[in-house]
Amino acid sequence: MTAGEAAAKSAAAGRVEVRDAVGNLLADGDSVALVKDLKVKGAGQTLKRGVVIRSIRLTGDDQEIDCRYEGIKGLVLRAEFVRKL
């Protein structure tokens, strides 16, 4: 099955494919690591490259993932800045 066929199949099923910075498919509950330092708006801190975020949740948008990190509630990250572990 090619990538185009897989994308068409998931679109037909009503699901959105979320891919990380290197192209790996993400799913609910996965652990990811940041590939770049990110400033968190409103929290006054910076998440450093390599920080591991556990138990992500997909939002229905193909580029956003919802996650938790100590001291930051409601953290939403772009999939292009994470790598699946």
PDB file of N, CA and C in Angstrom:
ATOM      1  N   MET A   1       0.855  -1.176   0.000  1.00  0.00           N
ATOM      2  CA  MET A   1       0.000   0.000   0.000  1.00  0.00           C
ATOM      3  C   MET A   1       0.898   1.236   0.000  1.00  0.00           C
ATOM      4  N   THR A   2       0.640   2.164  -0.903  1.00  0.00           N
ATOM      5  CA  THR A   2       1.438   3.384  -0.966  1.00  0.00           C
ATOM      6  C   THR A   2       0.937   4.408   0.043  1.00  0.00           C
ATOM      7  N   ALA A   3       1.729   5.465   0.239  1.00  0.00           N
ATOM      8  CA  ALA A   3       1.347   6.516   1.193  1.00  0.00           C
ATOM      9  C   ALA A   3       0.064   7.215   0.758  1.00  0.00           C
ATOM     10  N   GLY A   4      -0.111   7.397  -0.531  1.00  0.00           N
ATOM     11  CA  GLY A   4      -1.323   8.031  -1.047  1.00  0.00           C
ATOM     12  C   GLY A   4      -2.565   7.201  -0.765  1.00  0.00           C
ATOM     13  N   GLU A   5      -2.444   5.887  -0.932  1.00  0.00           N
ATOM     14  CA  GLU A   5      -3.568   5.000  -0.644  1.00  0.00           C
ATOM     15  C   GLU A   5      -3.897   5.001   0.835  1.00  0.00           C
ATOM     16  N   ALA A   6      -2.874   5.029   1.688  1.00  0.00           N
ATOM     17  CA  ALA A   6      -3.099   5.057   3.137  1.00  0.00           C
ATOM     18  C   ALA A   6      -3.782   6.355   3.549  1.00  0.00           C
ATOM     19  N   ALA A   7      -3.366   7.481   2.959  1.00  0.00           N
ATOM     20  CA  ALA A   7      -3.983   8.765   3.269  1.00  0.00           C
ATOM     21  C   ALA A   7      -5.440   8.793   2.830  1.00  0.00           C
ATOM     22  N   ALA A   8      -5.724   8.253   1.657  1.00  0.00           N
ATOM     23  CA  ALA A   8      -7.098   8.212   1.160  1.00  0.00           C
ATOM     24  C   ALA A   8      -7.972   7.312   2.032  1.00  0.00           C
ATOM     25  N   LYS A   9      -7.408   6.206   2.480  1.00  0.00           N
ATOM     26  CA  LYS A   9      -8.158   5.276   3.327  1.00  0.00           C
ATOM     27  C   LYS A   9      -8.511   5.910   4.672  1.00  0.00           C
ATOM     28  N   SER A  10      -7.566   6.606   5.297  1.00  0.00           N
ATOM     29  CA  SER A  10      -7.837   7.240   6.593  1.00  0.00           C
ATOM     30  C   SER A  10      -8.779   8.425   6.432  1.00  0.00           C
ATOM     31  N   ALA A  11      -8.680   9.158   5.322  1.00  0.00           N
ATOM     32  CA  ALA A  11      -9.594  10.281   5.081  1.00  0.00           C
ATOM     33  C   ALA A  11     -11.013   9.757   4.891  1.00  0.00           C
ATOM     34  N   ALA A  12     -11.130   8.628   4.241  1.00  0.00           N
ATOM     35  CA  ALA A  12     -12.443   8.030   4.041  1.00  0.00           C
ATOM     36  C   ALA A  12     -13.039   7.565   5.365  1.00  0.00           C
ATOM     37  N   ALA A  13     -12.200   7.157   6.285  1.00  0.00           N
ATOM     38  CA  ALA A  13     -12.667   6.705   7.589  1.00  0.00           C
ATOM     39  C   ALA A  13     -12.964   7.877   8.519  1.00  0.00           C
ATOM     40  N   GLY A  14     -12.630   9.109   8.104  1.00  0.00           N
ATOM     41  CA  GLY A  14     -12.926  10.280   8.925  1.00  0.00           C
ATOM     42  C   GLY A  14     -11.841  10.606   9.933  1.00  0.00           C
ATOM     43  N   ARG A  15     -10.708   9.925   9.866  1.00  0.00           N
ATOM     44  CA  ARG A  15      -9.610  10.180  10.790  1.00  0.00           C
ATOM     45  C   ARG A  15      -8.562  11.048  10.116  1.00  0.00           C
ATOM     46  N   VAL A  16      -7.859  11.806  10.924  1.00  0.00           N
ATOM     47  CA  VAL A  16      -6.793  12.667  10.415  1.00  0.00           C
ATOM     48  C   VAL A  16      -5.463  12.020  10.742  1.00  0.00           C
ATOM     49  N   GLU A  17      -4.569  11.950   9.760  1.00  0.00           N
ATOM     50  CA  GLU A  17      -3.233  11.422   9.997  1.00  0.00           C
ATOM     51  C   GLU A  17      -2.352  12.543  10.516  1.00  0.00           C
ATOM     52  N   VAL A  18      -1.728  12.318  11.658  1.00  0.00           N
ATOM     53  CA  VAL A  18      -0.804  13.296  12.225  1.00  0.00           C
ATOM     54  C   VAL A  18       0.589  12.683  12.164  1.00  0.00           C
ATOM     55  N   ARG A  19       1.513  13.393  11.520  1.00  0.00           N
ATOM     56  CA  ARG A  19       2.875  12.900  11.359  1.00  0.00           C
ATOM     57  C   ARG A  19       3.853  13.837  12.048  1.00  0.00           C
ATOM     58  N   ASP A  20       4.909  13.260  12.638  1.00  0.00           N
ATOM     59  CA  ASP A  20       5.910  14.059  13.341  1.00  0.00           C
ATOM     60  C   ASP A  20       6.905  14.668  12.362  1.00  0.00           C
ATOM     61  N   ALA A  21       7.977  15.236  12.875  1.00  0.00           N
ATOM     62  CA  ALA A  21       8.961  15.955  12.065  1.00  0.00           C
ATOM     63  C   ALA A  21       9.664  15.062  11.041  1.00  0.00           C
ATOM     64  N   VAL A  22       9.782  13.781  11.323  1.00  0.00           N
ATOM     65  CA  VAL A  22      10.470  12.871  10.399  1.00  0.00           C
ATOM     66  C   VAL A  22       9.509  11.972   9.633  1.00  0.00           C
ATOM     67  N   GLY A  23       8.216  12.178   9.799  1.00  0.00           N
ATOM     68  CA  GLY A  23       7.230  11.436   9.019  1.00  0.00           C
ATOM     69  C   GLY A  23       6.595  10.245   9.686  1.00  0.00           C
ATOM     70  N   ASN A  24       6.900   9.991  10.951  1.00  0.00           N
ATOM     71  CA  ASN A  24       6.279   8.871  11.665  1.00  0.00           C
ATOM     72  C   ASN A  24       4.837   9.216  12.016  1.00  0.00           C
ATOM     73  N   LEU A  25       3.961   8.248  11.926  1.00  0.00           N
ATOM     74  CA  LEU A  25       2.557   8.429  12.249  1.00  0.00           C
ATOM     75  C   LEU A  25       2.380   8.476  13.763  1.00  0.00           C
ATOM     76  N   LEU A  26       1.683   9.497  14.274  1.00  0.00           N
ATOM     77  CA  LEU A  26       1.443   9.639  15.712  1.00  0.00           C
ATOM     78  C   LEU A  26       0.055   9.128  16.065  1.00  0.00           C
ATOM     79  N   ALA A  27      -0.090   8.624  17.292  1.00  0.00           N
ATOM     80  CA  ALA A  27      -1.365   8.136  17.793  1.00  0.00           C
ATOM     81  C   ALA A  27      -1.537   8.596  19.235  1.00  0.00           C
ATOM     82  N   ASP A  28      -2.770   8.535  19.740  1.00  0.00           N
ATOM     83  CA  ASP A  28      -3.029   8.884  21.131  1.00  0.00           C
ATOM     84  C   ASP A  28      -2.190   8.006  22.058  1.00  0.00           C
ATOM     85  N   GLY A  29      -1.598   8.618  23.074  1.00  0.00           N
ATOM     86  CA  GLY A  29      -0.818   7.881  24.055  1.00  0.00           C
ATOM     87  C   GLY A  29       0.656   7.747  23.738  1.00  0.00           C
ATOM     88  N   ASP A  30       1.090   8.182  22.568  1.00  0.00           N
ATOM     89  CA  ASP A  30       2.504   8.099  22.205  1.00  0.00           C
ATOM     90  C   ASP A  30       3.342   9.047  23.050  1.00  0.00           C
ATOM     91  N   SER A  31       4.627   8.765  23.122  1.00  0.00           N
ATOM     92  CA  SER A  31       5.594   9.667  23.741  1.00  0.00           C
ATOM     93  C   SER A  31       6.405  10.310  22.629  1.00  0.00           C
ATOM     94  N   VAL A  32       6.673  11.607  22.785  1.00  0.00           N
ATOM     95  CA  VAL A  32       7.421  12.344  21.775  1.00  0.00           C
ATOM     96  C   VAL A  32       8.517  13.160  22.442  1.00  0.00           C
ATOM     97  N   ALA A  33       9.533  13.514  21.663  1.00  0.00           N
ATOM     98  CA  ALA A  33      10.615  14.383  22.126  1.00  0.00           C
ATOM     99  C   ALA A  33      10.643  15.615  21.235  1.00  0.00           C
ATOM    100  N   LEU A  34      10.968  16.747  21.813  1.00  0.00           N
ATOM    101  CA  LEU A  34      11.058  17.983  21.042  1.00  0.00           C
ATOM    102  C   LEU A  34      12.320  17.981  20.200  1.00  0.00           C
ATOM    103  N   VAL A  35      12.227  18.515  18.987  1.00  0.00           N
ATOM    104  CA  VAL A  35      13.387  18.585  18.106  1.00  0.00           C
ATOM    105  C   VAL A  35      13.952  19.999  18.051  1.00  0.00           C
ATOM    106  N   LYS A  36      13.356  20.923  18.799  1.00  0.00           N
ATOM    107  CA  LYS A  36      13.759  22.320  18.768  1.00  0.00           C
ATOM    108  C   LYS A  36      13.353  22.974  20.091  1.00  0.00           C
ATOM    109  N   ASP A  37      14.120  23.967  20.549  1.00  0.00           N
ATOM    110  CA  ASP A  37      13.734  24.740  21.729  1.00  0.00           C
ATOM    111  C   ASP A  37      12.482  25.537  21.408  1.00  0.00           C
ATOM    112  N   LEU A  38      11.490  25.503  22.316  1.00  0.00           N
ATOM    113  CA  LEU A  38      10.231  26.211  22.089  1.00  0.00           C
ATOM    114  C   LEU A  38       9.904  27.116  23.269  1.00  0.00           C
ATOM    115  N   LYS A  39       9.616  28.380  22.997  1.00  0.00           N
ATOM    116  CA  LYS A  39       9.152  29.299  24.030  1.00  0.00           C
ATOM    117  C   LYS A  39       7.659  29.070  24.208  1.00  0.00           C
ATOM    118  N   VAL A  40       7.214  28.937  25.454  1.00  0.00           N
ATOM    119  CA  VAL A  40       5.804  28.693  25.731  1.00  0.00           C
ATOM    120  C   VAL A  40       5.145  30.014  26.089  1.00  0.00           C
ATOM    121  N   LYS A  41       4.215  30.434  25.251  1.00  0.00           N
ATOM    122  CA  LYS A  41       3.523  31.696  25.493  1.00  0.00           C
ATOM    123  C   LYS A  41       2.665  31.583  26.749  1.00  0.00           C
ATOM    124  N   GLY A  42       2.718  32.588  27.602  1.00  0.00           N
ATOM    125  CA  GLY A  42       1.899  32.617  28.797  1.00  0.00           C
ATOM    126  C   GLY A  42       2.483  31.885  29.990  1.00  0.00           C
ATOM    127  N   ALA A  43       3.448  31.020  29.760  1.00  0.00           N
ATOM    128  CA  ALA A  43       4.033  30.253  30.865  1.00  0.00           C
ATOM    129  C   ALA A  43       5.366  30.831  31.303  1.00  0.00           C
ATOM    130  N   GLY A  44       5.977  31.640  30.466  1.00  0.00           N
ATOM    131  CA  GLY A  44       7.243  32.261  30.826  1.00  0.00           C
ATOM    132  C   GLY A  44       8.407  31.305  30.926  1.00  0.00           C
ATOM    133  N   GLN A  45       8.358  30.226  30.178  1.00  0.00           N
ATOM    134  CA  GLN A  45       9.483  29.291  30.196  1.00  0.00           C
ATOM    135  C   GLN A  45       9.730  28.743  28.794  1.00  0.00           C
ATOM    136  N   THR A  46      10.879  28.129  28.629  1.00  0.00           N
ATOM    137  CA  THR A  46      11.261  27.543  27.357  1.00  0.00           C
ATOM    138  C   THR A  46      11.428  26.045  27.529  1.00  0.00           C
ATOM    139  N   LEU A  47      10.812  25.276  26.645  1.00  0.00           N
ATOM    140  CA  LEU A  47      11.011  23.828  26.623  1.00  0.00           C
ATOM    141  C   LEU A  47      12.212  23.550  25.735  1.00  0.00           C
ATOM    142  N   LYS A  48      13.204  22.870  26.272  1.00  0.00           N
ATOM    143  CA  LYS A  48      14.462  22.613  25.562  1.00  0.00           C
ATOM    144  C   LYS A  48      14.347  21.419  24.623  1.00  0.00           C
ATOM    145  N   ARG A  49      15.192  21.408  23.607  1.00  0.00           N
ATOM    146  CA  ARG A  49      15.251  20.299  22.672  1.00  0.00           C
ATOM    147  C   ARG A  49      15.572  19.009  23.426  1.00  0.00           C
ATOM    148  N   GLY A  50      14.863  17.941  23.096  1.00  0.00           N
ATOM    149  CA  GLY A  50      15.093  16.651  23.732  1.00  0.00           C
ATOM    150  C   GLY A  50      14.156  16.348  24.885  1.00  0.00           C
ATOM    151  N   VAL A  51      13.359  17.338  25.329  1.00  0.00           N
ATOM    152  CA  VAL A  51      12.401  17.111  26.413  1.00  0.00           C
ATOM    153  C   VAL A  51      11.383  16.080  25.952  1.00  0.00           C
ATOM    154  N   VAL A  52      11.092  15.100  26.803  1.00  0.00           N
ATOM    155  CA  VAL A  52      10.147  14.036  26.465  1.00  0.00           C
ATOM    156  C   VAL A  52       8.764  14.407  26.998  1.00  0.00           C
ATOM    157  N   ILE A  53       7.783  14.351  26.115  1.00  0.00           N
ATOM    158  CA  ILE A  53       6.383  14.575  26.467  1.00  0.00           C
ATOM    159  C   ILE A  53       5.690  13.224  26.337  1.00  0.00           C
ATOM    160  N   ARG A  54       5.058  12.782  27.412  1.00  0.00           N
ATOM    161  CA  ARG A  54       4.407  11.470  27.420  1.00  0.00           C
ATOM    162  C   ARG A  54       2.894  11.615  27.251  1.00  0.00           C
ATOM    163  N   SER A  55       2.304  10.616  26.718  1.00  0.00           N
ATOM    164  CA  SER A  55       0.852  10.495  26.650  1.00  0.00           C
ATOM    165  C   SER A  55       0.189  11.658  25.917  1.00  0.00           C
ATOM    166  N   ILE A  56       0.518  11.807  24.641  1.00  0.00           N
ATOM    167  CA  ILE A  56      -0.082  12.875  23.853  1.00  0.00           C
ATOM    168  C   ILE A  56      -1.505  12.490  23.439  1.00  0.00           C
ATOM    169  N   ARG A  57      -2.284  13.495  23.053  1.00  0.00           N
ATOM    170  CA  ARG A  57      -3.628  13.274  22.534  1.00  0.00           C
ATOM    171  C   ARG A  57      -3.758  14.039  21.216  1.00  0.00           C
ATOM    172  N   LEU A  58      -4.388  13.401  20.238  1.00  0.00           N
ATOM    173  CA  LEU A  58      -4.605  14.054  18.953  1.00  0.00           C
ATOM    174  C   LEU A  58      -5.824  14.953  19.056  1.00  0.00           C
ATOM    175  N   THR A  59      -5.792  16.091  18.352  1.00  0.00           N
ATOM    176  CA  THR A  59      -6.867  17.079  18.469  1.00  0.00           C
ATOM    177  C   THR A  59      -7.853  17.040  17.317  1.00  0.00           C
ATOM    178  N   GLY A  60      -7.564  16.309  16.268  1.00  0.00           N
ATOM    179  CA  GLY A  60      -8.411  16.328  15.084  1.00  0.00           C
ATOM    180  C   GLY A  60      -7.822  17.213  13.991  1.00  0.00           C
ATOM    181  N   ASP A  61      -6.867  18.062  14.365  1.00  0.00           N
ATOM    182  CA  ASP A  61      -6.119  18.871  13.403  1.00  0.00           C
ATOM    183  C   ASP A  61      -4.881  18.066  13.005  1.00  0.00           C
ATOM    184  N   ASP A  62      -4.515  18.109  11.735  1.00  0.00           N
ATOM    185  CA  ASP A  62      -3.392  17.289  11.285  1.00  0.00           C
ATOM    186  C   ASP A  62      -2.031  17.825  11.694  1.00  0.00           C
ATOM    187  N   GLN A  63      -1.958  18.999  12.326  1.00  0.00           N
ATOM    188  CA  GLN A  63      -0.667  19.557  12.742  1.00  0.00           C
ATOM    189  C   GLN A  63      -0.578  19.871  14.225  1.00  0.00           C
ATOM    190  N   GLU A  64      -1.607  19.599  15.016  1.00  0.00           N
ATOM    191  CA  GLU A  64      -1.569  19.934  16.439  1.00  0.00           C
ATOM    192  C   GLU A  64      -1.789  18.710  17.303  1.00  0.00           C
ATOM    193  N   ILE A  65      -1.046  18.668  18.416  1.00  0.00           N
ATOM    194  CA  ILE A  65      -1.235  17.618  19.413  1.00  0.00           C
ATOM    195  C   ILE A  65      -1.406  18.280  20.773  1.00  0.00           C
ATOM    196  N   ASP A  66      -2.249  17.697  21.596  1.00  0.00           N
ATOM    197  CA  ASP A  66      -2.521  18.200  22.930  1.00  0.00           C
ATOM    198  C   ASP A  66      -1.711  17.364  23.912  1.00  0.00           C
ATOM    199  N   CYS A  67      -1.086  18.012  24.890  1.00  0.00           N
ATOM    200  CA  CYS A  67      -0.257  17.273  25.838  1.00  0.00           C
ATOM    201  C   CYS A  67      -0.160  18.016  27.160  1.00  0.00           C
ATOM    202  N   ARG A  68       0.441  17.357  28.123  1.00  0.00           N
ATOM    203  CA  ARG A  68       0.678  17.942  29.434  1.00  0.00           C
ATOM    204  C   ARG A  68       2.170  17.940  29.709  1.00  0.00           C
ATOM    205  N   TYR A  69       2.593  18.992  30.408  1.00  0.00           N
ATOM    206  CA  TYR A  69       3.966  19.055  30.868  1.00  0.00           C
ATOM    207  C   TYR A  69       3.924  19.722  32.225  1.00  0.00           C
ATOM    208  N   GLU A  70       4.812  19.335  33.123  1.00  0.00           N
ATOM    209  CA  GLU A  70       4.784  19.836  34.497  1.00  0.00           C
ATOM    210  C   GLU A  70       4.744  21.364  34.544  1.00  0.00           C
ATOM    211  N   GLY A  71       3.724  21.883  35.198  1.00  0.00           N
ATOM    212  CA  GLY A  71       3.578  23.320  35.368  1.00  0.00           C
ATOM    213  C   GLY A  71       2.891  24.041  34.231  1.00  0.00           C
ATOM    214  N   ILE A  72       2.555  23.331  33.157  1.00  0.00           N
ATOM    215  CA  ILE A  72       1.894  23.960  32.008  1.00  0.00           C
ATOM    216  C   ILE A  72       0.609  23.193  31.696  1.00  0.00           C
ATOM    217  N   LYS A  73      -0.526  23.854  31.889  1.00  0.00           N
ATOM    218  CA  LYS A  73      -1.814  23.234  31.564  1.00  0.00           C
ATOM    219  C   LYS A  73      -2.210  23.626  30.148  1.00  0.00           C
ATOM    220  N   GLY A  74      -2.846  22.711  29.448  1.00  0.00           N
ATOM    221  CA  GLY A  74      -3.374  23.001  28.130  1.00  0.00           C
ATOM    222  C   GLY A  74      -2.317  23.276  27.082  1.00  0.00           C
ATOM    223  N   LEU A  75      -1.237  22.525  27.101  1.00  0.00           N
ATOM    224  CA  LEU A  75      -0.151  22.716  26.154  1.00  0.00           C
ATOM    225  C   LEU A  75      -0.517  22.065  24.818  1.00  0.00           C
ATOM    226  N   VAL A  76      -0.454  22.856  23.746  1.00  0.00           N
ATOM    227  CA  VAL A  76      -0.698  22.348  22.398  1.00  0.00           C
ATOM    228  C   VAL A  76       0.572  22.583  21.590  1.00  0.00           C
ATOM    229  N   LEU A  77       1.096  21.509  21.003  1.00  0.00           N
ATOM    230  CA  LEU A  77       2.325  21.588  20.217  1.00  0.00           C
ATOM    231  C   LEU A  77       2.039  21.298  18.751  1.00  0.00           C
ATOM    232  N   ARG A  78       2.838  21.889  17.898  1.00  0.00           N
ATOM    233  CA  ARG A  78       2.767  21.586  16.472  1.00  0.00           C
ATOM    234  C   ARG A  78       3.527  20.282  16.232  1.00  0.00           C
ATOM    235  N   ALA A  79       2.979  19.428  15.405  1.00  0.00           N
ATOM    236  CA  ALA A  79       3.588  18.122  15.131  1.00  0.00           C
ATOM    237  C   ALA A  79       4.940  18.252  14.448  1.00  0.00           C
ATOM    238  N   GLU A  80       5.190  19.355  13.772  1.00  0.00           N
ATOM    239  CA  GLU A  80       6.464  19.529  13.075  1.00  0.00           C
ATOM    240  C   GLU A  80       7.646  19.728  14.021  1.00  0.00           C
ATOM    241  N   PHE A  81       7.377  19.965  15.307  1.00  0.00           N
ATOM    242  CA  PHE A  81       8.442  20.202  16.289  1.00  0.00           C
ATOM    243  C   PHE A  81       8.680  19.022  17.222  1.00  0.00           C
ATOM    244  N   VAL A  82       8.070  17.863  16.946  1.00  0.00           N
ATOM    245  CA  VAL A  82       8.247  16.691  17.802  1.00  0.00           C
ATOM    246  C   VAL A  82       8.676  15.491  16.971  1.00  0.00           C
ATOM    247  N   ARG A  83       9.278  14.523  17.663  1.00  0.00           N
ATOM    248  CA  ARG A  83       9.718  13.272  17.056  1.00  0.00           C
ATOM    249  C   ARG A  83       9.225  12.129  17.938  1.00  0.00           C
ATOM    250  N   LYS A  84       8.606  11.134  17.336  1.00  0.00           N
ATOM    251  CA  LYS A  84       8.074   9.988  18.068  1.00  0.00           C
ATOM    252  C   LYS A  84       9.212   9.152  18.660  1.00  0.00           C
ATOM    253  N   LEU A  85       9.030   8.689  19.882  1.00  0.00           N
ATOM    254  CA  LEU A  85      10.031   7.817  20.523  1.00  0.00           C
ATOM    255  C   LEU A  85       9.658   6.360  20.361  1.00  0.00           C
TER     256      LEU A  85
END
